[in-house]
């Protein structure tokens, strides 16, 4: 409760959720890391033209595709896709 800044009910809910689906938390963190990595590469590519809102728009307009495919689309770089498909 103290470390997370949560009240008892919220902390118990988080603990119960983590216990019932332990992979959800790690999946969330991995997805966040992938998106932050993509954001950095996108920002580098855009240079002075970078706008965070444009990144968000470009990211969500592709729906729920895997990040490796979105990276290929946004950066025109198939590297992550090739790694994911072992090609």
PDB file of N, CA and C in Angstrom:
ATOM      1  N   UNK A   1       0.828  -1.189   0.000  1.00  0.00           N
ATOM      2  CA  UNK A   1       0.000   0.000   0.000  1.00  0.00           C
ATOM      3  C   UNK A   1       0.873   1.254   0.000  1.00  0.00           C
ATOM      4  N   UNK A   2       1.895   1.258   0.874  1.00  0.00           N
ATOM      5  CA  UNK A   2       2.736   2.451   0.972  1.00  0.00           C
ATOM      6  C   UNK A   2       3.554   2.663  -0.291  1.00  0.00           C
ATOM      7  N   UNK A   3       4.186   1.597  -0.794  1.00  0.00           N
ATOM      8  CA  UNK A   3       5.065   1.726  -1.956  1.00  0.00           C
ATOM      9  C   UNK A   3       4.292   2.133  -3.201  1.00  0.00           C
ATOM     10  N   UNK A   4       3.066   1.671  -3.327  1.00  0.00           N
ATOM     11  CA  UNK A   4       2.269   1.982  -4.512  1.00  0.00           C
ATOM     12  C   UNK A   4       1.376   3.189  -4.358  1.00  0.00           C
ATOM     13  N   UNK A   5       1.323   3.740  -3.153  1.00  0.00           N
ATOM     14  CA  UNK A   5       0.458   4.889  -2.920  1.00  0.00           C
ATOM     15  C   UNK A   5      -1.013   4.554  -3.087  1.00  0.00           C
ATOM     16  N   UNK A   6      -1.367   3.319  -2.698  1.00  0.00           N
ATOM     17  CA  UNK A   6      -2.746   2.858  -2.873  1.00  0.00           C
ATOM     18  C   UNK A   6      -3.431   2.689  -1.534  1.00  0.00           C
ATOM     19  N   UNK A   7      -4.748   2.823  -1.538  1.00  0.00           N
ATOM     20  CA  UNK A   7      -5.488   2.487  -0.326  1.00  0.00           C
ATOM     21  C   UNK A   7      -5.600   0.963  -0.247  1.00  0.00           C
ATOM     22  N   UNK A   8      -6.094   0.457   0.854  1.00  0.00           N
ATOM     23  CA  UNK A   8      -6.136  -0.995   1.089  1.00  0.00           C
ATOM     24  C   UNK A   8      -6.921  -1.732  -0.002  1.00  0.00           C
ATOM     25  N   UNK A   9      -8.087  -1.213  -0.355  1.00  0.00           N
ATOM     26  CA  UNK A   9      -8.930  -1.891  -1.351  1.00  0.00           C
ATOM     27  C   UNK A   9      -8.222  -1.974  -2.712  1.00  0.00           C
ATOM     28  N   UNK A  10      -7.623  -0.890  -3.136  1.00  0.00           N
ATOM     29  CA  UNK A  10      -6.919  -0.881  -4.420  1.00  0.00           C
ATOM     30  C   UNK A  10      -5.701  -1.806  -4.381  1.00  0.00           C
ATOM     31  N   UNK A  11      -4.960  -1.787  -3.284  1.00  0.00           N
ATOM     32  CA  UNK A  11      -3.776  -2.643  -3.154  1.00  0.00           C
ATOM     33  C   UNK A  11      -4.167  -4.119  -3.175  1.00  0.00           C
ATOM     34  N   UNK A  12      -5.234  -4.468  -2.489  1.00  0.00           N
ATOM     35  CA  UNK A  12      -5.693  -5.854  -2.494  1.00  0.00           C
ATOM     36  C   UNK A  12      -6.161  -6.263  -3.890  1.00  0.00           C
ATOM     37  N   UNK A  13      -6.811  -5.358  -4.590  1.00  0.00           N
ATOM     38  CA  UNK A  13      -7.239  -5.649  -5.962  1.00  0.00           C
ATOM     39  C   UNK A  13      -6.049  -5.878  -6.879  1.00  0.00           C
ATOM     40  N   UNK A  14      -5.022  -5.049  -6.752  1.00  0.00           N
ATOM     41  CA  UNK A  14      -3.804  -5.220  -7.561  1.00  0.00           C
ATOM     42  C   UNK A  14      -3.129  -6.551  -7.231  1.00  0.00           C
ATOM     43  N   UNK A  15      -3.030  -6.862  -5.958  1.00  0.00           N
ATOM     44  CA  UNK A  15      -2.393  -8.111  -5.545  1.00  0.00           C
ATOM     45  C   UNK A  15      -3.180  -9.322  -6.050  1.00  0.00           C
ATOM     46  N   UNK A  16      -4.497  -9.273  -5.951  1.00  0.00           N
ATOM     47  CA  UNK A  16      -5.327 -10.376  -6.431  1.00  0.00           C
ATOM     48  C   UNK A  16      -5.191 -10.538  -7.948  1.00  0.00           C
ATOM     49  N   UNK A  17      -5.171  -9.426  -8.661  1.00  0.00           N
ATOM     50  CA  UNK A  17      -5.007  -9.480 -10.113  1.00  0.00           C
ATOM     51  C   UNK A  17      -3.668 -10.072 -10.507  1.00  0.00           C
ATOM     52  N   UNK A  18      -2.606  -9.662  -9.812  1.00  0.00           N
ATOM     53  CA  UNK A  18      -1.269 -10.184 -10.106  1.00  0.00           C
ATOM     54  C   UNK A  18      -1.178 -11.669  -9.782  1.00  0.00           C
ATOM     55  N   UNK A  19      -1.864 -12.093  -8.733  1.00  0.00           N
ATOM     56  CA  UNK A  19      -1.833 -13.504  -8.348  1.00  0.00           C
ATOM     57  C   UNK A  19      -2.633 -14.369  -9.330  1.00  0.00           C
ATOM     58  N   UNK A  20      -3.744 -13.838  -9.844  1.00  0.00           N
ATOM     59  CA  UNK A  20      -4.574 -14.636 -10.741  1.00  0.00           C
ATOM     60  C   UNK A  20      -4.053 -14.643 -12.180  1.00  0.00           C
ATOM     61  N   UNK A  21      -3.355 -13.583 -12.586  1.00  0.00           N
ATOM     62  CA  UNK A  21      -2.779 -13.513 -13.935  1.00  0.00           C
ATOM     63  C   UNK A  21      -1.375 -12.913 -13.849  1.00  0.00           C
ATOM     64  N   UNK A  22      -0.407 -13.705 -13.403  1.00  0.00           N
ATOM     65  CA  UNK A  22       0.940 -13.165 -13.158  1.00  0.00           C
ATOM     66  C   UNK A  22       1.646 -12.655 -14.412  1.00  0.00           C
ATOM     67  N   UNK A  23       1.284 -13.137 -15.574  1.00  0.00           N
ATOM     68  CA  UNK A  23       1.966 -12.678 -16.787  1.00  0.00           C
ATOM     69  C   UNK A  23       1.460 -11.326 -17.276  1.00  0.00           C
ATOM     70  N   UNK A  24       0.323 -10.856 -16.774  1.00  0.00           N
ATOM     71  CA  UNK A  24      -0.224  -9.580 -17.231  1.00  0.00           C
ATOM     72  C   UNK A  24       0.731  -8.440 -16.926  1.00  0.00           C
ATOM     73  N   UNK A  25       1.302  -8.424 -15.747  1.00  0.00           N
ATOM     74  CA  UNK A  25       2.191  -7.320 -15.354  1.00  0.00           C
ATOM     75  C   UNK A  25       3.436  -7.277 -16.225  1.00  0.00           C
ATOM     76  N   UNK A  26       4.065  -8.430 -16.445  1.00  0.00           N
ATOM     77  CA  UNK A  26       5.278  -8.454 -17.256  1.00  0.00           C
ATOM     78  C   UNK A  26       4.954  -8.126 -18.711  1.00  0.00           C
ATOM     79  N   UNK A  27       3.804  -8.566 -19.204  1.00  0.00           N
ATOM     80  CA  UNK A  27       3.400  -8.237 -20.568  1.00  0.00           C
ATOM     81  C   UNK A  27       3.210  -6.734 -20.726  1.00  0.00           C
ATOM     82  N   UNK A  28       2.624  -6.114 -19.723  1.00  0.00           N
ATOM     83  CA  UNK A  28       2.424  -4.672 -19.729  1.00  0.00           C
ATOM     84  C   UNK A  28       3.775  -3.950 -19.787  1.00  0.00           C
ATOM     85  N   UNK A  29       4.711  -4.358 -18.951  1.00  0.00           N
ATOM     86  CA  UNK A  29       6.023  -3.713 -18.898  1.00  0.00           C
ATOM     87  C   UNK A  29       6.771  -3.901 -20.217  1.00  0.00           C
ATOM     88  N   UNK A  30       6.721  -5.090 -20.788  1.00  0.00           N
ATOM     89  CA  UNK A  30       7.392  -5.339 -22.067  1.00  0.00           C
ATOM     90  C   UNK A  30       6.767  -4.475 -23.164  1.00  0.00           C
ATOM     91  N   UNK A  31       5.453  -4.405 -23.215  1.00  0.00           N
ATOM     92  CA  UNK A  31       4.785  -3.568 -24.203  1.00  0.00           C
ATOM     93  C   UNK A  31       5.143  -2.099 -24.036  1.00  0.00           C
ATOM     94  N   UNK A  32       5.183  -1.646 -22.803  1.00  0.00           N
ATOM     95  CA  UNK A  32       5.562  -0.261 -22.537  1.00  0.00           C
ATOM     96  C   UNK A  32       6.985  -0.008 -23.025  1.00  0.00           C
ATOM     97  N   UNK A  33       7.899  -0.930 -22.728  1.00  0.00           N
ATOM     98  CA  UNK A  33       9.291  -0.782 -23.163  1.00  0.00           C
ATOM     99  C   UNK A  33       9.362  -0.726 -24.695  1.00  0.00           C
ATOM    100  N   UNK A  34       8.618  -1.585 -25.369  1.00  0.00           N
ATOM    101  CA  UNK A  34       8.627  -1.593 -26.837  1.00  0.00           C
ATOM    102  C   UNK A  34       8.122  -0.261 -27.404  1.00  0.00           C
ATOM    103  N   UNK A  35       7.063   0.266 -26.823  1.00  0.00           N
ATOM    104  CA  UNK A  35       6.504   1.534 -27.306  1.00  0.00           C
ATOM    105  C   UNK A  35       7.447   2.690 -27.012  1.00  0.00           C
ATOM    106  N   UNK A  36       8.082   2.690 -25.841  1.00  0.00           N
ATOM    107  CA  UNK A  36       9.040   3.754 -25.523  1.00  0.00           C
ATOM    108  C   UNK A  36      10.250   3.692 -26.455  1.00  0.00           C
ATOM    109  N   UNK A  37      10.695   2.499 -26.780  1.00  0.00           N
ATOM    110  CA  UNK A  37      11.796   2.338 -27.728  1.00  0.00           C
ATOM    111  C   UNK A  37      11.379   2.863 -29.106  1.00  0.00           C
ATOM    112  N   UNK A  38      10.190   2.519 -29.536  1.00  0.00           N
ATOM    113  CA  UNK A  38       9.670   3.012 -30.808  1.00  0.00           C
ATOM    114  C   UNK A  38       9.558   4.531 -30.792  1.00  0.00           C
ATOM    115  N   UNK A  39       9.090   5.088 -29.695  1.00  0.00           N
ATOM    116  CA  UNK A  39       8.978   6.542 -29.562  1.00  0.00           C
ATOM    117  C   UNK A  39      10.341   7.210 -29.751  1.00  0.00           C
ATOM    118  N   UNK A  40      11.374   6.666 -29.130  1.00  0.00           N
ATOM    119  CA  UNK A  40      12.710   7.240 -29.266  1.00  0.00           C
ATOM    120  C   UNK A  40      13.203   7.208 -30.698  1.00  0.00           C
ATOM    121  N   UNK A  41      13.004   6.084 -31.368  1.00  0.00           N
ATOM    122  CA  UNK A  41      13.440   5.958 -32.764  1.00  0.00           C
ATOM    123  C   UNK A  41      12.613   6.863 -33.677  1.00  0.00           C
ATOM    124  N   UNK A  42      11.328   6.953 -33.419  1.00  0.00           N
ATOM    125  CA  UNK A  42      10.431   7.827 -34.188  1.00  0.00           C
ATOM    126  C   UNK A  42      10.866   9.284 -34.026  1.00  0.00           C
ATOM    127  N   UNK A  43      11.152   9.670 -32.788  1.00  0.00           N
ATOM    128  CA  UNK A  43      11.578  11.039 -32.497  1.00  0.00           C
ATOM    129  C   UNK A  43      12.885  11.358 -33.218  1.00  0.00           C
ATOM    130  N   UNK A  44      13.841  10.439 -33.186  1.00  0.00           N
ATOM    131  CA  UNK A  44      15.110  10.642 -33.894  1.00  0.00           C
ATOM    132  C   UNK A  44      14.877  10.819 -35.394  1.00  0.00           C
ATOM    133  N   UNK A  45      13.991  10.014 -35.935  1.00  0.00           N
ATOM    134  CA  UNK A  45      13.718  10.060 -37.378  1.00  0.00           C
ATOM    135  C   UNK A  45      13.026  11.363 -37.777  1.00  0.00           C
ATOM    136  N   UNK A  46      12.127  11.858 -36.935  1.00  0.00           N
ATOM    137  CA  UNK A  46      11.375  13.075 -37.239  1.00  0.00           C
ATOM    138  C   UNK A  46      12.204  14.346 -37.030  1.00  0.00           C
ATOM    139  N   UNK A  47      13.188  14.276 -36.146  1.00  0.00           N
ATOM    140  CA  UNK A  47      14.025  15.448 -35.873  1.00  0.00           C
ATOM    141  C   UNK A  47      13.204  16.621 -35.363  1.00  0.00           C
ATOM    142  N   UNK A  48      13.431  17.785 -35.961  1.00  0.00           N
ATOM    143  CA  UNK A  48      12.733  18.993 -35.519  1.00  0.00           C
ATOM    144  C   UNK A  48      11.242  18.967 -35.840  1.00  0.00           C
ATOM    145  N   UNK A  49      10.828  18.071 -36.701  1.00  0.00           N
ATOM    146  CA  UNK A  49       9.407  17.946 -37.053  1.00  0.00           C
ATOM    147  C   UNK A  49       8.633  17.079 -36.061  1.00  0.00           C
ATOM    148  N   UNK A  50       9.314  16.537 -35.041  1.00  0.00           N
ATOM    149  CA  UNK A  50       8.662  15.632 -34.084  1.00  0.00           C
ATOM    150  C   UNK A  50       7.561  16.342 -33.317  1.00  0.00           C
ATOM    151  N   UNK A  51       6.409  15.662 -33.239  1.00  0.00           N
ATOM    152  CA  UNK A  51       5.298  16.072 -32.383  1.00  0.00           C
ATOM    153  C   UNK A  51       4.779  14.823 -31.688  1.00  0.00           C
ATOM    154  N   UNK A  52       4.677  14.868 -30.378  1.00  0.00           N
ATOM    155  CA  UNK A  52       4.216  13.715 -29.618  1.00  0.00           C
ATOM    156  C   UNK A  52       2.813  13.304 -30.055  1.00  0.00           C
ATOM    157  N   UNK A  53       1.955  14.269 -30.324  1.00  0.00           N
ATOM    158  CA  UNK A  53       0.597  13.964 -30.780  1.00  0.00           C
ATOM    159  C   UNK A  53       0.589  13.196 -32.092  1.00  0.00           C
ATOM    160  N   UNK A  54       1.519  13.546 -32.987  1.00  0.00           N
ATOM    161  CA  UNK A  54       1.608  12.835 -34.272  1.00  0.00           C
ATOM    162  C   UNK A  54       2.046  11.391 -34.028  1.00  0.00           C
ATOM    163  N   UNK A  55       2.972  11.191 -33.090  1.00  0.00           N
ATOM    164  CA  UNK A  55       3.382   9.822 -32.754  1.00  0.00           C
ATOM    165  C   UNK A  55       2.185   9.031 -32.243  1.00  0.00           C
ATOM    166  N   UNK A  56       1.439   9.615 -31.329  1.00  0.00           N
ATOM    167  CA  UNK A  56       0.262   8.925 -30.790  1.00  0.00           C
ATOM    168  C   UNK A  56      -0.721   8.584 -31.905  1.00  0.00           C
ATOM    169  N   UNK A  57      -0.965   9.545 -32.788  1.00  0.00           N
ATOM    170  CA  UNK A  57      -1.880   9.301 -33.907  1.00  0.00           C
ATOM    171  C   UNK A  57      -1.382   8.166 -34.793  1.00  0.00           C
ATOM    172  N   UNK A  58      -0.086   8.207 -35.140  1.00  0.00           N
ATOM    173  CA  UNK A  58       0.490   7.162 -35.990  1.00  0.00           C
ATOM    174  C   UNK A  58       0.455   5.802 -35.307  1.00  0.00           C
ATOM    175  N   UNK A  59       0.657   5.792 -33.995  1.00  0.00           N
ATOM    176  CA  UNK A  59       0.655   4.532 -33.250  1.00  0.00           C
ATOM    177  C   UNK A  59      -0.747   3.921 -33.218  1.00  0.00           C
ATOM    178  N   UNK A  60      -1.723   4.704 -32.835  1.00  0.00           N
ATOM    179  CA  UNK A  60      -3.061   4.121 -32.648  1.00  0.00           C
ATOM    180  C   UNK A  60      -3.813   3.890 -33.948  1.00  0.00           C
ATOM    181  N   UNK A  61      -3.429   4.576 -35.023  1.00  0.00           N
ATOM    182  CA  UNK A  61      -4.153   4.358 -36.270  1.00  0.00           C
ATOM    183  C   UNK A  61      -3.898   2.960 -36.831  1.00  0.00           C
ATOM    184  N   UNK A  62      -2.881   2.286 -36.314  1.00  0.00           N
ATOM    185  CA  UNK A  62      -2.565   0.937 -36.762  1.00  0.00           C
ATOM    186  C   UNK A  62      -3.233  -0.137 -35.911  1.00  0.00           C
ATOM    187  N   UNK A  63      -4.080   0.279 -34.989  1.00  0.00           N
ATOM    188  CA  UNK A  63      -4.838  -0.679 -34.196  1.00  0.00           C
ATOM    189  C   UNK A  63      -3.972  -1.505 -33.272  1.00  0.00           C
ATOM    190  N   UNK A  64      -4.283  -2.776 -33.161  1.00  0.00           N
ATOM    191  CA  UNK A  64      -3.607  -3.638 -32.193  1.00  0.00           C
ATOM    192  C   UNK A  64      -2.566  -4.542 -32.848  1.00  0.00           C
ATOM    193  N   UNK A  65      -1.939  -4.054 -33.890  1.00  0.00           N
ATOM    194  CA  UNK A  65      -0.865  -4.832 -34.520  1.00  0.00           C
ATOM    195  C   UNK A  65       0.303  -4.976 -33.554  1.00  0.00           C
ATOM    196  N   UNK A  66       1.090  -6.018 -33.696  1.00  0.00           N
ATOM    197  CA  UNK A  66       2.300  -6.138 -32.876  1.00  0.00           C
ATOM    198  C   UNK A  66       3.224  -4.936 -33.113  1.00  0.00           C
ATOM    199  N   UNK A  67       3.955  -4.551 -32.079  1.00  0.00           N
ATOM    200  CA  UNK A  67       4.832  -3.386 -32.179  1.00  0.00           C
ATOM    201  C   UNK A  67       5.868  -3.571 -33.280  1.00  0.00           C
ATOM    202  N   UNK A  68       6.337  -4.792 -33.510  1.00  0.00           N
ATOM    203  CA  UNK A  68       7.322  -5.020 -34.568  1.00  0.00           C
ATOM    204  C   UNK A  68       6.768  -4.628 -35.942  1.00  0.00           C
ATOM    205  N   UNK A  69       5.495  -4.849 -36.175  1.00  0.00           N
ATOM    206  CA  UNK A  69       4.877  -4.471 -37.451  1.00  0.00           C
ATOM    207  C   UNK A  69       4.667  -2.959 -37.505  1.00  0.00           C
ATOM    208  N   UNK A  70       4.242  -2.373 -36.391  1.00  0.00           N
ATOM    209  CA  UNK A  70       4.069  -0.918 -36.348  1.00  0.00           C
ATOM    210  C   UNK A  70       5.409  -0.222 -36.584  1.00  0.00           C
ATOM    211  N   UNK A  71       6.473  -0.775 -36.013  1.00  0.00           N
ATOM    212  CA  UNK A  71       7.817  -0.220 -36.231  1.00  0.00           C
ATOM    213  C   UNK A  71       8.173  -0.264 -37.716  1.00  0.00           C
ATOM    214  N   UNK A  72       7.849  -1.333 -38.363  1.00  0.00           N
ATOM    215  CA  UNK A  72       8.116  -1.484 -39.799  1.00  0.00           C
ATOM    216  C   UNK A  72       7.338  -0.423 -40.585  1.00  0.00           C
ATOM    217  N   UNK A  73       6.082  -0.210 -40.190  1.00  0.00           N
ATOM    218  CA  UNK A  73       5.241   0.764 -40.881  1.00  0.00           C
ATOM    219  C   UNK A  73       5.731   2.195 -40.632  1.00  0.00           C
ATOM    220  N   UNK A  74       5.934   2.559 -39.367  1.00  0.00           N
ATOM    221  CA  UNK A  74       6.273   3.937 -39.027  1.00  0.00           C
ATOM    222  C   UNK A  74       7.698   4.322 -39.415  1.00  0.00           C
ATOM    223  N   UNK A  75       8.627   3.381 -39.261  1.00  0.00           N
ATOM    224  CA  UNK A  75      10.031   3.710 -39.495  1.00  0.00           C
ATOM    225  C   UNK A  75      10.559   3.162 -40.811  1.00  0.00           C
ATOM    226  N   UNK A  76       9.717   2.409 -41.508  1.00  0.00           N
ATOM    227  CA  UNK A  76      10.131   1.737 -42.735  1.00  0.00           C
ATOM    228  C   UNK A  76      11.376   0.888 -42.479  1.00  0.00           C
ATOM    229  N   UNK A  77      11.366   0.218 -41.319  1.00  0.00           N
ATOM    230  CA  UNK A  77      12.494  -0.609 -40.895  1.00  0.00           C
ATOM    231  C   UNK A  77      11.962  -1.988 -40.504  1.00  0.00           C
ATOM    232  N   UNK A  78      12.212  -3.008 -41.327  1.00  0.00           N
ATOM    233  CA  UNK A  78      11.689  -4.346 -41.046  1.00  0.00           C
ATOM    234  C   UNK A  78      12.533  -5.150 -40.047  1.00  0.00           C
ATOM    235  N   UNK A  79      13.559  -4.552 -39.446  1.00  0.00           N
ATOM    236  CA  UNK A  79      14.477  -5.289 -38.574  1.00  0.00           C
ATOM    237  C   UNK A  79      13.761  -6.027 -37.448  1.00  0.00           C
ATOM    238  N   UNK A  80      12.920  -5.335 -36.690  1.00  0.00           N
ATOM    239  CA  UNK A  80      12.222  -5.973 -35.575  1.00  0.00           C
ATOM    240  C   UNK A  80      11.282  -7.074 -36.067  1.00  0.00           C
ATOM    241  N   UNK A  81      10.634  -6.839 -37.180  1.00  0.00           N
ATOM    242  CA  UNK A  81       9.754  -7.855 -37.767  1.00  0.00           C
ATOM    243  C   UNK A  81      10.548  -9.087 -38.178  1.00  0.00           C
ATOM    244  N   UNK A  82      11.699  -8.881 -38.786  1.00  0.00           N
ATOM    245  CA  UNK A  82      12.543  -9.999 -39.186  1.00  0.00           C
ATOM    246  C   UNK A  82      13.024 -10.785 -37.974  1.00  0.00           C
ATOM    247  N   UNK A  83      13.369 -10.094 -36.895  1.00  0.00           N
ATOM    248  CA  UNK A  83      13.782 -10.790 -35.660  1.00  0.00           C
ATOM    249  C   UNK A  83      12.623 -11.598 -35.097  1.00  0.00           C
ATOM    250  N   UNK A  84      11.425 -11.015 -35.124  1.00  0.00           N
ATOM    251  CA  UNK A  84      10.257 -11.692 -34.573  1.00  0.00           C
ATOM    252  C   UNK A  84       9.882 -12.925 -35.374  1.00  0.00           C
ATOM    253  N   UNK A  85      10.178 -12.908 -36.676  1.00  0.00           N
ATOM    254  CA  UNK A  85       9.830 -14.050 -37.534  1.00  0.00           C
ATOM    255  C   UNK A  85      11.046 -14.894 -37.880  1.00  0.00           C
ATOM    256  N   UNK A  86      12.184 -14.599 -37.256  1.00  0.00           N
ATOM    257  CA  UNK A  86      13.423 -15.361 -37.453  1.00  0.00           C
ATOM    258  C   UNK A  86      13.855 -15.411 -38.923  1.00  0.00           C
ATOM    259  N   UNK A  87      13.770 -14.296 -39.604  1.00  0.00           N
ATOM    260  CA  UNK A  87      14.176 -14.245 -41.011  1.00  0.00           C
ATOM    261  C   UNK A  87      15.408 -13.387 -41.167  1.00  0.00           C
TER     262      UNK A  87
END
